[in-house]
Amino acid sequence: MSVFDKLKGMLKGHEDQASKGIDKAGDYVDGRTQGKYSSQVDTAQEKLRQQMGGTPPSTDQGPDAPRPDTPPRQ
């Protein structure tokens, strides 16, 4: 059994807390690098969430909010 499998077992049932920890770690790295590697950090966070079985970060914008990569509606 690998270390990663052990971590997944320990986090089972605590996916939300793991996701918050991933967010905090990413925010820390973004702060230390002054956002220079923000897109790479976001990609790493998403891959970690997928591996850990965590939930995606919650957004306060709702389902009808425009995505960041789409132009605003007129």
Protein backbone atom coordinates (compact mmCIF):
# COMPACT_ATOMS: atom_id res chain seq x y z
CA MET A 1 0.00 0.00 0.00
CA SER A 2 1.43 3.34 -1.04
CA VAL A 3 1.52 6.47 1.06
CA PHE A 4 -1.04 8.06 -1.24
CA ASP A 5 -3.45 5.16 -0.67
CA LYS A 6 -3.04 5.59 3.08
CA LEU A 7 -3.81 9.31 2.78
CA LYS A 8 -6.91 8.60 0.73
CA GLY A 9 -8.08 6.14 3.39
CA MET A 10 -7.52 8.64 6.18
CA LEU A 11 -9.39 11.38 4.29
CA LYS A 12 -12.39 9.21 3.48
CA GLY A 13 -15.44 11.01 4.82
CA HIS A 14 -13.55 14.29 5.11
CA GLU A 15 -13.43 15.32 1.45
CA ASP A 16 -14.68 18.84 2.15
CA GLN A 17 -11.92 19.46 4.68
CA ALA A 18 -9.33 18.07 2.27
CA SER A 19 -10.62 20.40 -0.44
CA LYS A 20 -10.32 23.38 1.91
CA GLY A 21 -6.75 22.34 2.73
CA ILE A 22 -5.93 22.12 -0.97
CA ASP A 23 -7.35 25.62 -1.44
CA LYS A 24 -5.31 27.00 1.46
CA ALA A 25 -2.12 25.39 0.17
CA GLY A 26 -2.72 26.83 -3.30
CA ASP A 27 -3.42 30.27 -1.86
CA TYR A 28 -0.18 30.06 0.12
CA VAL A 29 1.84 29.15 -2.97
CA ASP A 30 0.14 31.91 -4.98
CA GLY A 31 1.00 34.41 -2.25
CA ARG A 32 4.63 33.32 -2.02
CA THR A 33 5.07 33.43 -5.80
CA GLN A 34 3.01 36.63 -6.15
CA GLY A 35 0.59 34.84 -8.49
CA LYS A 36 3.28 34.15 -11.08
CA TYR A 37 2.30 30.45 -11.35
CA SER A 38 -1.40 30.85 -10.68
CA SER A 39 -2.61 28.74 -13.61
CA GLN A 40 -0.23 25.90 -12.73
CA VAL A 41 -1.32 26.03 -9.10
CA ASP A 42 -4.99 25.89 -10.14
CA THR A 43 -4.29 22.86 -12.32
CA ALA A 44 -2.46 21.12 -9.48
CA GLN A 45 -5.32 21.87 -7.08
CA GLU A 46 -7.87 20.38 -9.46
CA LYS A 47 -5.80 17.23 -10.00
CA LEU A 48 -5.36 16.80 -6.25
CA ARG A 49 -9.10 17.13 -5.72
CA GLN A 50 -9.74 14.48 -8.35
CA GLN A 51 -7.21 12.12 -6.76
CA MET A 52 -8.53 12.65 -3.24
CA GLY A 53 -12.16 12.39 -4.24
CA GLY A 54 -12.80 15.88 -2.91
CA THR A 55 -15.49 18.21 -4.04
CA PRO A 56 -14.78 21.19 -6.28
CA PRO A 57 -14.50 24.55 -4.53
CA SER A 58 -17.82 26.20 -3.86
CA THR A 59 -18.60 29.43 -5.65
CA ASP A 60 -20.87 32.13 -4.33
CA GLN A 61 -21.84 33.20 -7.83
CA GLY A 62 -24.47 30.57 -8.58
CA PRO A 63 -25.03 28.46 -11.69
CA ASP A 64 -25.98 31.38 -13.99
CA ALA A 65 -22.79 33.36 -13.37
CA PRO A 66 -20.56 33.78 -16.41
CA ARG A 67 -17.45 31.67 -16.53
CA PRO A 68 -14.14 33.55 -16.31
CA ASP A 69 -13.19 32.51 -19.86
CA THR A 70 -16.40 33.80 -21.46
CA PRO A 71 -17.20 37.41 -22.30
CA PRO A 72 -19.93 39.10 -20.22
CA ARG A 73 -23.48 39.09 -21.53
CA GLN A 74 -24.83 42.30 -23.01
